[in-house]
Amino acid sequence: MSLIKKFATVASGTLMSRVLGFTREMLMAAALGTGPVADAFYAAFQFPNTFRRLFAEGAFNTAFVPLFAKEIEAGGHDGARRFSEEVFGVLFTVLIFITIAMELAMPFLVSTIIAPGFTGDPQKYNLTVALAAIMFPYLMCMSLGAMMAGMLNSLRRYFAAAVAPVFLNVILIGVLYYAWHAGADGLSVGYWMAWGVMAAGVVQLAIVWIAVRHAGISIGFRRPRMTQNVKRLLWLAFPAAITGGITQINQLIGTAIASTQASAVSSLALADRVYQLPLGVVGIAVAMVLLPELSRALKAGHATEAANLQNRSVEFTLFLTLPAAAALTVISEPIVRLLYERGAFAASNSTPTVAAILAIFGLGLPAFVLIKAFTPGYFAREDTRTPMVFAAISVAVNVALALALFPSMGAPGIATASSVAGWVNALMLLVVLVRRGHWGREEALIRRIPRLVLASALMGAALWFGSHALAPYLASGSPLVVKATALGLLCLGGMVLYFALAFAIGGADLGMVRRSMRRRGAPVPSASSPVDGDPAS
């Protein structure tokens, strides 16, 4: 299967999840606005979600995948199953202890790490503690699920892992609909949503577990032992967890700082949900597909294929994220009006703040996605230390800027710090890859990047003029259908203009796209032949 088709397979599941995520956030904004219950829920959910990215996606999609791919190449399904059972036994045991410890320490954690600013409001503080305690076991389900997802990705079965997160949004939308139908108050909605998150974790784990069994690998529980394979995994996983979850670390820091200002936490969360659409669809697709493909190419000694994989991934990333960044920056306010401006959100007059945060996140979007395209170049070579050092520098930059800007700018200052830190991290990753000779210089790519930037800038200018021309139809008082139609026409016109410009000035090459669609990856070893029949692979 071609690289682009693999990206599309993962992106389709992620897109479904993100669209439903929009629906969920629209319903939540209408039900809770940016009030105290919303602040408490978003702060509480941020904590297990951050740990999920650190210990689940961060560690296992970076440290586990290359080792699992090596086991497949060396010993086929039997070797991969033994390795997975060794890891599963240790991971399950560690997660049990972490969950118990965090549940017991939750009041302390909320007051010192999650939302120290809430301690001045006992009602909001106690609610945050209760919601975080309900939702934290979600981490255990998602960590085990991430291991299963890493196995599926290594076996080139991408769809199940990509579609599983859809069920978090399906369940939460169901909870919100029931709450609306029952006429529940805000406090009840907060508690029901927390239990919905916990239920979604169980469902997501079940989906990937069944998919792994269907792929021909049945994992049994083994007594946890520190085998050589497990020691190697842990050695790689700790720095990989920090690096892979850098965006979430910065968000957790931002949430803690924002907790000192009313409505800042929920404003950041609502803006984050919008820019997560392009970040998730493109960035997660690239990260999930590129790492196992790059690991296989390097293990097989195919240096040319590895260089081509990296270049095509960056080209694909920039081709889609640069126009998205321009659009989020220029028309953030009409987007926020359409998505959120109703019910409690409209009454709180939060649109200008959320729109400003979204525009700043838009400027950092290419960096956030490029990080996901650059880090596999290190992880596939089992170098997790270098990206961890860069991640630590990025966190330091984020903290310093957030503390400096928040007093004068409020929540937009935290978004500014996060975007700047993202660009610092991305540039450091690229420079060192080039210096080590791990990034193949390709003249065609170097020529295309400035042309893609120019096409995106021209599209952004057109969107700016278009939004002013359609201002009466995009205004707060316009009917929802009118706003949706006007914004839809504006976005459609921008897309047509961008793609026309990109191909006309040489930012994209139609022949290259055709070749990439036809290019097929290295075959899966015969020991993993059951994968061949998977329609999603």
Protein backbone atom coordinates (compact mmCIF):
# COMPACT_ATOMS: atom_id res chain seq x y z
CA MET A 1 0.00 0.00 0.00
CA SER A 2 1.31 3.50 -0.83
CA LEU A 3 2.40 5.90 1.90
CA ILE A 4 -0.36 8.37 1.05
CA LYS A 5 -3.01 5.63 1.16
CA LYS A 6 -1.76 4.56 4.59
CA PHE A 7 -1.91 8.18 5.78
CA ALA A 8 -5.45 8.37 4.40
CA THR A 9 -6.51 5.16 6.18
CA VAL A 10 -5.43 6.51 9.56
CA ALA A 11 -6.61 10.04 8.80
CA SER A 12 -10.12 8.84 7.93
CA GLY A 13 -10.59 7.31 11.37
CA THR A 14 -9.05 10.34 13.06
CA LEU A 15 -11.19 12.72 11.00
CA MET A 16 -14.32 10.85 12.10
CA SER A 17 -13.21 11.19 15.71
CA ARG A 18 -12.41 14.89 15.36
CA VAL A 19 -15.72 15.73 13.67
CA LEU A 20 -17.60 13.98 16.46
CA GLY A 21 -15.30 15.79 18.90
CA PHE A 22 -16.50 19.08 17.45
CA THR A 23 -20.07 17.98 17.98
CA ARG A 24 -19.29 17.04 21.56
CA GLU A 25 -17.62 20.39 22.28
CA MET A 26 -20.49 22.32 20.68
CA LEU A 27 -22.94 20.53 22.96
CA MET A 28 -20.71 21.06 26.00
CA ALA A 29 -20.25 24.75 25.21
CA ALA A 30 -24.02 25.15 24.93
CA ALA A 31 -24.61 23.25 28.18
CA LEU A 32 -21.79 24.64 30.33
CA GLY A 33 -20.27 27.63 28.50
CA THR A 34 -16.95 28.62 30.06
CA GLY A 35 -18.26 28.53 33.62
CA PRO A 36 -16.90 26.81 36.77
CA VAL A 37 -18.19 23.29 35.95
CA ALA A 38 -16.60 23.49 32.48
CA ASP A 39 -13.31 24.68 34.02
CA ALA A 40 -13.39 21.80 36.53
CA PHE A 41 -14.17 19.14 33.91
CA TYR A 42 -11.51 20.28 31.42
CA ALA A 43 -8.85 20.55 34.13
CA ALA A 44 -9.72 17.11 35.52
CA PHE A 45 -9.78 15.48 32.09
CA GLN A 46 -6.49 17.10 31.10
CA PHE A 47 -4.65 15.12 33.79
CA PRO A 48 -5.39 11.51 32.73
CA ASN A 49 -5.27 12.64 29.09
CA THR A 50 -1.74 13.96 29.59
CA PHE A 51 -0.62 10.73 31.25
CA ARG A 52 -2.22 8.80 28.39
CA ARG A 53 -0.10 10.70 25.86
CA LEU A 54 3.04 10.35 28.01
CA PHE A 55 2.85 6.68 28.99
CA ALA A 56 0.62 5.36 26.23
CA GLU A 57 0.97 7.06 22.87
CA GLY A 58 4.30 8.67 23.68
CA ALA A 59 6.06 5.59 25.01
CA PHE A 60 4.52 2.79 22.99
CA ASN A 61 4.21 4.38 19.59
CA THR A 62 7.88 5.35 19.81
CA ALA A 63 9.73 2.78 21.92
CA PHE A 64 7.51 -0.29 21.59
CA VAL A 65 6.86 -0.14 17.83
CA PRO A 66 10.52 -0.40 16.63
CA LEU A 67 11.20 -3.30 19.03
CA PHE A 68 7.98 -5.08 18.06
CA ALA A 69 8.80 -4.56 14.36
CA LYS A 70 12.24 -6.08 14.98
CA GLU A 71 10.64 -9.11 16.64
CA ILE A 72 8.32 -9.56 13.66
CA GLU A 73 11.25 -9.43 11.25
CA ALA A 74 13.33 -11.86 13.34
CA GLY A 75 10.81 -14.35 14.74
CA GLY A 76 7.49 -13.75 13.02
CA HIS A 77 4.21 -13.89 14.96
CA ASP A 78 5.51 -16.26 17.68
CA GLY A 79 8.43 -14.01 18.62
CA ALA A 80 6.23 -10.92 18.54
CA ARG A 81 3.63 -12.61 20.77
CA ARG A 82 6.24 -13.61 23.39
CA PHE A 83 7.64 -10.10 23.45
CA SER A 84 4.13 -8.62 23.77
CA GLU A 85 3.23 -10.91 26.68
CA GLU A 86 6.42 -9.94 28.53
CA VAL A 87 5.61 -6.24 28.09
CA PHE A 88 1.92 -6.70 28.91
CA GLY A 89 2.66 -8.34 32.25
CA VAL A 90 4.94 -5.51 33.36
CA LEU A 91 2.74 -2.74 31.96
CA PHE A 92 -0.44 -4.04 33.59
CA THR A 93 1.24 -4.33 36.99
CA VAL A 94 2.80 -0.86 36.82
CA LEU A 95 -0.49 0.71 35.76
CA ILE A 96 -2.33 -0.85 38.70
CA PHE A 97 0.12 0.71 41.16
CA ILE A 98 0.11 4.10 39.38
CA THR A 99 -3.70 4.23 39.36
CA ILE A 100 -3.99 3.41 43.06
CA ALA A 101 -1.30 5.94 44.01
CA MET A 102 -2.84 8.71 41.91
CA GLU A 103 -6.34 8.09 43.27
CA LEU A 104 -5.08 8.39 46.85
CA ALA A 105 -3.05 11.51 46.06
CA MET A 106 -5.69 13.27 43.90
CA PRO A 107 -6.50 16.15 46.33
CA PHE A 108 -2.79 16.96 46.61
CA LEU A 109 -2.28 16.68 42.84
CA VAL A 110 -5.16 19.04 42.04
CA SER A 111 -3.91 21.65 44.49
CA THR A 112 -0.29 21.53 43.29
CA ILE A 113 -0.19 20.35 39.65
CA ILE A 114 -3.56 20.13 37.91
CA ALA A 115 -5.25 23.38 38.95
CA PRO A 116 -3.56 25.17 41.85
CA GLY A 117 -5.59 28.28 41.09
CA PHE A 118 -8.80 26.45 42.07
CA THR A 119 -7.81 26.18 45.74
CA GLY A 120 -9.29 29.63 46.37
CA ASP A 121 -12.70 28.31 45.29
CA PRO A 122 -13.52 25.25 47.46
CA GLN A 123 -16.53 24.24 45.38
CA LYS A 124 -14.61 24.23 42.10
CA TYR A 125 -11.61 22.54 43.75
CA ASN A 126 -13.68 19.71 45.27
CA LEU A 127 -15.50 19.16 41.99
CA THR A 128 -12.19 18.92 40.11
CA VAL A 129 -10.87 16.35 42.62
CA ALA A 130 -14.02 14.24 42.28
CA LEU A 131 -14.08 14.34 38.48
CA ALA A 132 -10.36 13.58 38.20
CA ALA A 133 -10.74 10.58 40.53
CA ILE A 134 -13.57 9.20 38.36
CA MET A 135 -11.66 9.67 35.11
CA PHE A 136 -8.11 8.66 36.05
CA PRO A 137 -8.62 4.87 35.48
CA TYR A 138 -9.17 5.88 31.84
CA LEU A 139 -5.36 6.04 31.74
CA MET A 140 -5.06 2.30 32.41
CA CYS A 141 -7.47 1.39 29.62
CA MET A 142 -5.82 3.72 27.13
CA SER A 143 -2.26 2.67 28.00
CA LEU A 144 -3.07 -0.99 27.40
CA GLY A 145 -4.99 0.05 24.31
CA ALA A 146 -2.00 2.02 23.00
CA MET A 147 0.13 -1.10 23.25
CA MET A 148 -2.45 -2.98 21.16
CA ALA A 149 -2.57 -0.09 18.70
CA GLY A 150 1.22 -0.17 18.35
CA MET A 151 1.04 -3.87 17.53
CA LEU A 152 -1.65 -3.25 14.92
CA ASN A 153 0.35 -0.45 13.31
CA SER A 154 3.44 -2.66 13.11
CA LEU A 155 1.31 -5.30 11.42
CA ARG A 156 0.07 -2.62 9.00
CA ARG A 157 -3.46 -2.80 10.31
CA TYR A 158 -4.10 0.88 10.83
CA PHE A 159 -7.86 1.32 10.80
CA ALA A 160 -8.95 -0.25 14.11
CA ALA A 161 -6.45 1.80 16.12
CA ALA A 162 -7.49 4.97 14.29
CA VAL A 163 -11.24 4.43 14.67
CA ALA A 164 -11.27 3.36 18.35
CA PRO A 165 -11.08 6.99 19.68
CA VAL A 166 -14.34 7.71 17.84
CA PHE A 167 -16.19 5.91 20.62
CA LEU A 168 -15.09 8.41 23.27
CA ASN A 169 -16.98 11.10 21.40
CA VAL A 170 -19.94 8.84 20.55
CA ILE A 171 -20.43 7.99 24.23
CA LEU A 172 -19.99 11.57 25.46
CA ILE A 173 -22.40 12.90 22.81
CA GLY A 174 -24.90 10.30 24.02
CA VAL A 175 -24.39 11.47 27.62
CA LEU A 176 -24.92 15.13 26.63
CA TYR A 177 -28.03 14.28 24.64
CA TYR A 178 -29.46 12.35 27.58
CA ALA A 179 -28.59 15.23 29.95
CA TRP A 180 -30.37 17.70 27.66
CA HIS A 181 -33.39 15.40 27.32
CA ALA A 182 -33.54 14.93 31.11
CA GLY A 183 -33.08 18.66 31.83
CA ALA A 184 -30.01 18.00 34.02
CA ASP A 185 -28.21 20.85 35.75
CA GLY A 186 -24.57 21.73 35.05
CA LEU A 187 -23.19 19.80 38.02
CA SER A 188 -24.95 16.59 36.98
CA VAL A 189 -23.67 17.02 33.43
CA GLY A 190 -20.11 17.25 34.75
CA TYR A 191 -20.39 14.01 36.72
CA TRP A 192 -22.14 12.13 33.91
CA MET A 193 -19.45 13.23 31.46
CA ALA A 194 -16.73 11.94 33.80
CA TRP A 195 -18.35 8.50 34.00
CA GLY A 196 -18.78 8.59 30.22
CA VAL A 197 -15.02 9.05 29.80
CA MET A 198 -14.39 6.01 31.99
CA ALA A 199 -16.85 3.89 29.99
CA ALA A 200 -15.27 5.04 26.72
CA GLY A 201 -11.86 3.83 27.89
CA VAL A 202 -13.19 0.32 28.40
CA VAL A 203 -14.87 0.30 24.97
CA GLN A 204 -11.75 1.57 23.18
CA LEU A 205 -9.56 -1.07 24.84
CA ALA A 206 -12.01 -3.81 23.83
CA ILE A 207 -11.94 -2.71 20.17
CA VAL A 208 -8.15 -2.86 19.75
CA TRP A 209 -7.89 -6.04 21.84
CA ILE A 210 -10.32 -7.81 19.52
CA ALA A 211 -8.49 -6.43 16.46
CA VAL A 212 -5.16 -7.83 17.73
CA ARG A 213 -6.73 -11.27 18.25
CA HIS A 214 -8.18 -11.06 14.75
CA ALA A 215 -4.66 -10.29 13.46
CA GLY A 216 -3.53 -13.67 14.77
CA ILE A 217 -1.84 -12.67 18.04
CA SER A 218 -3.49 -13.79 21.27
CA ILE A 219 -1.86 -12.24 24.33
CA GLY A 220 -1.93 -14.11 27.63
CA PHE A 221 -0.95 -12.70 31.02
CA ARG A 222 2.57 -13.57 32.17
CA ARG A 223 4.03 -12.96 35.59
CA PRO A 224 5.86 -9.61 35.32
CA ARG A 225 9.60 -10.16 34.87
CA MET A 226 12.38 -7.76 33.89
CA THR A 227 13.59 -9.62 30.83
CA GLN A 228 16.21 -8.19 28.49
CA ASN A 229 13.51 -7.10 26.05
CA VAL A 230 11.53 -5.33 28.77
CA LYS A 231 14.63 -3.60 30.09
CA ARG A 232 15.42 -2.35 26.58
CA LEU A 233 11.86 -1.12 26.18
CA LEU A 234 11.92 0.77 29.48
CA TRP A 235 15.31 2.29 28.61
CA LEU A 236 13.80 3.66 25.40
CA ALA A 237 10.31 4.37 26.75
CA PHE A 238 11.07 6.94 29.44
CA PRO A 239 12.61 9.59 27.18
CA ALA A 240 10.17 8.63 24.41
CA ALA A 241 7.24 9.23 26.75
CA ILE A 242 8.50 12.73 27.56
CA THR A 243 9.16 13.52 23.91
CA GLY A 244 5.98 12.05 22.48
CA GLY A 245 3.84 13.89 25.02
CA ILE A 246 5.57 17.26 24.81
CA THR A 247 2.48 19.05 23.50
CA GLN A 248 0.43 17.60 26.34
CA ILE A 249 3.07 18.53 28.93
CA ASN A 250 2.92 22.11 27.69
CA GLN A 251 -0.89 22.00 27.80
CA LEU A 252 -0.84 20.68 31.38
CA ILE A 253 1.49 23.51 32.38
CA GLY A 254 -0.75 25.98 30.59
CA THR A 255 -3.82 24.61 32.38
CA ALA A 256 -2.13 24.97 35.78
CA ILE A 257 -1.19 28.60 35.06
CA ALA A 258 -4.60 29.39 33.52
CA SER A 259 -6.43 28.02 36.58
CA THR A 260 -5.71 31.30 38.37
CA GLN A 261 -8.08 33.15 36.01
CA ALA A 262 -11.81 32.44 35.67
CA SER A 263 -12.86 30.79 32.38
CA ALA A 264 -9.26 30.60 31.08
CA VAL A 265 -9.04 26.79 31.34
CA SER A 266 -12.23 26.15 29.37
CA SER A 267 -11.35 28.85 26.79
CA LEU A 268 -8.03 27.13 26.09
CA ALA A 269 -9.73 23.73 25.88
CA LEU A 270 -12.37 24.92 23.40
CA ALA A 271 -9.77 26.54 21.13
CA ASP A 272 -7.58 23.45 21.42
CA ARG A 273 -10.42 21.25 20.15
CA VAL A 274 -10.63 23.23 16.89
CA TYR A 275 -6.95 23.17 16.00
CA GLN A 276 -6.76 19.50 17.00
CA LEU A 277 -8.70 18.70 13.80
CA PRO A 278 -5.81 19.36 11.38
CA LEU A 279 -3.23 18.38 14.00
CA GLY A 280 -4.94 15.06 14.63
CA VAL A 281 -5.89 14.20 11.07
CA VAL A 282 -2.45 14.99 9.61
CA GLY A 283 -0.05 14.75 12.56
CA ILE A 284 -1.34 11.54 14.10
CA ALA A 285 -1.65 9.90 10.68
CA VAL A 286 1.98 10.74 9.88
CA ALA A 287 3.26 9.62 13.29
CA MET A 288 1.33 6.33 13.34
CA VAL A 289 2.32 5.34 9.81
CA LEU A 290 5.83 6.78 9.49
CA LEU A 291 7.40 5.18 12.58
CA PRO A 292 6.73 1.50 11.75
CA GLU A 293 7.45 2.08 8.04
CA LEU A 294 10.72 3.90 8.79
CA SER A 295 11.72 1.27 11.37
CA ARG A 296 11.23 -1.52 8.84
CA ALA A 297 13.20 0.32 6.14
CA LEU A 298 16.15 1.00 8.46
CA LYS A 299 16.17 -2.54 9.89
CA ALA A 300 16.27 -3.88 6.32
CA GLY A 301 19.12 -1.49 5.38
CA HIS A 302 17.04 0.43 2.82
CA ALA A 303 18.54 3.92 3.38
CA THR A 304 17.11 5.37 0.16
CA GLU A 305 13.59 4.23 1.03
CA ALA A 306 13.97 5.67 4.55
CA ALA A 307 15.06 9.06 3.18
CA ASN A 308 12.15 9.08 0.74
CA LEU A 309 9.68 8.22 3.53
CA GLN A 310 10.89 11.18 5.60
CA ASN A 311 10.81 13.66 2.72
CA ARG A 312 7.37 12.60 1.53
CA SER A 313 6.00 12.80 5.08
CA VAL A 314 7.22 16.38 5.53
CA GLU A 315 5.90 17.33 2.09
CA PHE A 316 2.50 15.82 2.90
CA THR A 317 2.51 17.55 6.30
CA LEU A 318 3.26 21.02 4.97
CA PHE A 319 0.98 20.66 1.96
CA LEU A 320 -2.04 20.24 4.28
CA THR A 321 -1.11 22.13 7.45
CA LEU A 322 0.16 25.42 6.01
CA PRO A 323 -3.24 26.37 4.51
CA ALA A 324 -4.99 25.14 7.66
CA ALA A 325 -2.72 27.37 9.76
CA ALA A 326 -3.47 30.36 7.53
CA ALA A 327 -7.22 29.76 7.77
CA LEU A 328 -7.23 29.33 11.57
CA THR A 329 -5.22 32.51 11.95
CA VAL A 330 -7.32 34.68 9.63
CA ILE A 331 -10.91 33.52 10.19
CA SER A 332 -10.74 32.22 13.76
CA GLU A 333 -13.60 34.42 14.99
CA PRO A 334 -16.18 33.28 12.38
CA ILE A 335 -15.18 29.67 13.12
CA VAL A 336 -15.71 30.10 16.86
CA ARG A 337 -19.02 31.91 16.30
CA LEU A 338 -20.33 29.05 14.18
CA LEU A 339 -19.12 26.21 16.39
CA TYR A 340 -19.76 27.49 19.89
CA GLU A 341 -21.84 30.66 20.04
CA ARG A 342 -25.07 29.41 21.54
CA GLY A 343 -26.57 28.70 24.95
CA ALA A 344 -24.33 29.33 27.95
CA PHE A 345 -21.32 30.10 25.74
CA ALA A 346 -23.10 32.97 23.96
CA ALA A 347 -24.29 34.36 27.28
CA SER A 348 -20.70 34.46 28.60
CA ASN A 349 -19.42 36.49 25.58
CA SER A 350 -16.36 34.26 25.29
CA THR A 351 -15.98 34.42 21.50
CA PRO A 352 -13.19 37.06 21.28
CA THR A 353 -10.99 35.25 23.81
CA VAL A 354 -11.42 31.78 22.30
CA ALA A 355 -10.91 33.18 18.78
CA ALA A 356 -7.66 34.92 19.80
CA ILE A 357 -6.34 31.70 21.34
CA LEU A 358 -7.31 29.73 18.22
CA ALA A 359 -5.52 32.19 15.91
CA ILE A 360 -2.31 31.87 17.94
CA PHE A 361 -2.56 28.07 17.99
CA GLY A 362 -2.95 28.27 14.21
CA LEU A 363 0.46 29.93 13.92
CA GLY A 364 1.99 27.03 15.84
CA LEU A 365 0.12 24.28 13.98
CA PRO A 366 2.81 23.50 11.35
CA ALA A 367 5.39 23.14 14.12
CA PHE A 368 3.22 20.77 16.17
CA VAL A 369 2.73 18.52 13.13
CA LEU A 370 6.37 18.72 11.98
CA ILE A 371 7.45 17.48 15.41
CA LYS A 372 5.45 14.32 14.73
CA ALA A 373 7.15 13.99 11.33
CA PHE A 374 10.70 14.58 12.65
CA THR A 375 10.73 12.46 15.83
CA PRO A 376 10.34 9.08 14.02
CA GLY A 377 13.73 9.83 12.44
CA TYR A 378 15.21 9.47 15.93
CA PHE A 379 12.93 6.79 17.40
CA ALA A 380 13.30 4.43 14.44
CA ARG A 381 17.07 4.49 15.15
CA GLU A 382 16.33 3.79 18.85
CA ASP A 383 17.57 7.25 19.84
CA THR A 384 15.05 8.57 22.34
CA ARG A 385 17.45 10.66 24.41
CA THR A 386 18.05 13.48 21.90
CA PRO A 387 14.36 14.31 21.36
CA MET A 388 13.86 14.20 25.14
CA VAL A 389 16.56 16.86 25.63
CA PHE A 390 14.89 19.04 23.00
CA ALA A 391 11.51 18.45 24.64
CA ALA A 392 12.93 19.60 27.99
CA ILE A 393 14.24 22.79 26.38
CA SER A 394 10.84 23.33 24.79
CA VAL A 395 9.09 22.94 28.15
CA ALA A 396 11.47 25.48 29.71
CA VAL A 397 10.71 27.96 26.92
CA ASN A 398 6.98 27.36 27.34
CA VAL A 399 6.99 27.86 31.11
CA ALA A 400 9.12 31.02 30.96
CA LEU A 401 7.00 32.63 28.25
CA ALA A 402 3.68 31.57 29.80
CA LEU A 403 4.59 33.06 33.17
CA ALA A 404 5.83 36.23 31.49
CA LEU A 405 2.85 36.73 29.15
CA PHE A 406 -0.12 35.49 31.19
CA PRO A 407 -0.37 38.51 33.55
CA SER A 408 -0.75 40.92 30.61
CA MET A 409 -2.35 38.77 27.89
CA GLY A 410 -4.35 36.20 29.87
CA ALA A 411 -5.13 32.88 28.15
CA PRO A 412 -3.83 34.05 24.71
CA GLY A 413 -0.42 34.48 26.36
CA ILE A 414 -0.39 30.76 27.23
CA ALA A 415 -1.23 29.89 23.62
CA THR A 416 1.62 32.15 22.44
CA ALA A 417 4.08 30.39 24.74
CA SER A 418 2.94 26.98 23.50
CA SER A 419 3.30 27.94 19.82
CA VAL A 420 6.76 29.45 20.27
CA ALA A 421 7.91 26.37 22.22
CA GLY A 422 6.60 24.15 19.42
CA TRP A 423 8.63 25.98 16.77
CA VAL A 424 11.77 25.85 18.95
CA ASN A 425 11.37 22.08 19.34
CA ALA A 426 10.69 21.44 15.62
CA LEU A 427 13.71 23.47 14.49
CA MET A 428 16.07 21.72 16.91
CA LEU A 429 14.86 18.29 15.73
CA LEU A 430 15.40 19.21 12.08
CA VAL A 431 18.85 20.79 12.54
CA VAL A 432 20.28 17.75 14.35
CA LEU A 433 18.79 15.29 11.84
CA VAL A 434 20.51 17.23 9.05
CA ARG A 435 23.83 17.47 10.92
CA ARG A 436 23.88 13.72 11.57
CA GLY A 437 23.19 12.95 7.94
CA HIS A 438 19.87 11.33 8.83
CA TRP A 439 17.89 13.68 6.63
CA GLY A 440 18.40 13.27 2.90
CA ARG A 441 18.63 16.62 1.14
CA GLU A 442 16.12 16.72 -1.71
CA GLU A 443 16.20 19.73 -4.03
CA ALA A 444 12.59 19.24 -5.16
CA LEU A 445 11.33 19.44 -1.56
CA ILE A 446 13.46 22.51 -0.81
CA ARG A 447 12.01 24.27 -3.87
CA ARG A 448 8.42 23.37 -3.00
CA ILE A 449 8.34 24.54 0.63
CA PRO A 450 8.58 28.34 -0.03
CA ARG A 451 6.02 27.97 -2.81
CA LEU A 452 3.60 26.25 -0.44
CA VAL A 453 4.14 29.07 2.05
CA LEU A 454 3.39 31.63 -0.69
CA ALA A 455 0.23 29.79 -1.80
CA SER A 456 -0.97 29.63 1.83
CA ALA A 457 -0.25 33.34 2.40
CA LEU A 458 -2.19 34.32 -0.73
CA MET A 459 -5.07 32.11 0.34
CA GLY A 460 -4.99 33.73 3.80
CA ALA A 461 -5.18 37.20 2.25
CA ALA A 462 -8.15 36.11 0.13
CA LEU A 463 -9.89 34.71 3.22
CA TRP A 464 -9.32 37.99 5.07
CA PHE A 465 -10.95 40.05 2.29
CA GLY A 466 -13.69 37.44 1.87
CA SER A 467 -14.54 37.43 5.59
CA HIS A 468 -14.93 41.22 5.53
CA ALA A 469 -17.16 41.02 2.44
CA LEU A 470 -19.34 38.38 4.13
CA ALA A 471 -19.23 40.04 7.56
CA PRO A 472 -23.03 40.68 7.74
CA TYR A 473 -23.68 36.96 7.16
CA LEU A 474 -20.97 35.83 9.63
CA ALA A 475 -22.06 38.15 12.44
CA SER A 476 -23.26 36.87 15.81
CA GLY A 477 -26.89 37.77 15.15
CA SER A 478 -27.15 35.84 11.87
CA PRO A 479 -29.14 32.60 11.78
CA LEU A 480 -27.07 29.43 12.15
CA VAL A 481 -27.83 28.27 8.61
CA VAL A 482 -26.71 31.62 7.18
CA LYS A 483 -23.46 31.58 9.17
CA ALA A 484 -22.74 27.98 8.22
CA THR A 485 -23.40 28.65 4.52
CA ALA A 486 -21.24 31.79 4.46
CA LEU A 487 -18.34 30.13 6.29
CA GLY A 488 -18.65 27.02 4.13
CA LEU A 489 -18.45 29.08 0.94
CA LEU A 490 -15.49 31.00 2.34
CA CYS A 491 -13.59 27.81 3.21
CA LEU A 492 -14.47 26.13 -0.09
CA GLY A 493 -13.26 29.15 -2.03
CA GLY A 494 -10.05 29.21 -0.01
CA MET A 495 -9.41 25.51 -0.67
CA VAL A 496 -9.95 25.87 -4.42
CA LEU A 497 -7.66 28.91 -4.54
CA TYR A 498 -4.93 27.23 -2.48
CA PHE A 499 -4.84 24.00 -4.48
CA ALA A 500 -4.90 25.92 -7.77
CA LEU A 501 -2.02 28.14 -6.63
CA ALA A 502 -0.01 25.27 -5.12
CA PHE A 503 -0.05 23.29 -8.35
CA ALA A 504 0.31 26.34 -10.61
CA ILE A 505 3.46 27.73 -8.97
CA GLY A 506 5.10 24.35 -8.35
CA GLY A 507 4.40 23.91 -4.64
CA ALA A 508 2.90 20.51 -5.44
CA ASP A 509 3.54 18.11 -8.29
CA LEU A 510 0.64 16.08 -9.64
CA GLY A 511 3.02 13.49 -11.08
CA MET A 512 4.63 12.99 -7.66
CA VAL A 513 1.21 12.48 -6.10
CA ARG A 514 0.34 9.83 -8.69
CA ARG A 515 3.65 8.03 -8.11
CA SER A 516 3.17 8.13 -4.34
CA MET A 517 -0.32 6.69 -4.68
CA ARG A 518 1.09 3.78 -6.71
CA ARG A 519 4.23 3.20 -4.61
CA ARG A 520 3.98 0.13 -2.43
CA GLY A 521 5.80 -0.51 0.84
CA ALA A 522 8.04 -3.46 1.65
CA PRO A 523 6.14 -6.73 1.93
CA VAL A 524 5.18 -8.12 5.29
CA PRO A 525 7.17 -11.25 6.20
CA SER A 526 5.53 -14.54 5.43
CA ALA A 527 5.16 -15.28 9.14
CA SER A 528 2.57 -12.53 9.30
CA SER A 529 0.55 -13.65 6.34
CA PRO A 530 -2.84 -13.20 8.09
CA VAL A 531 -2.30 -9.47 7.64
CA ASP A 532 -2.58 -9.83 3.88
CA GLY A 533 -6.31 -10.36 4.08
CA ASP A 534 -6.99 -7.27 6.17
CA PRO A 535 -9.01 -4.82 4.09
CA ALA A 536 -7.76 -1.94 6.23
CA SER A 537 -4.07 -2.60 5.62
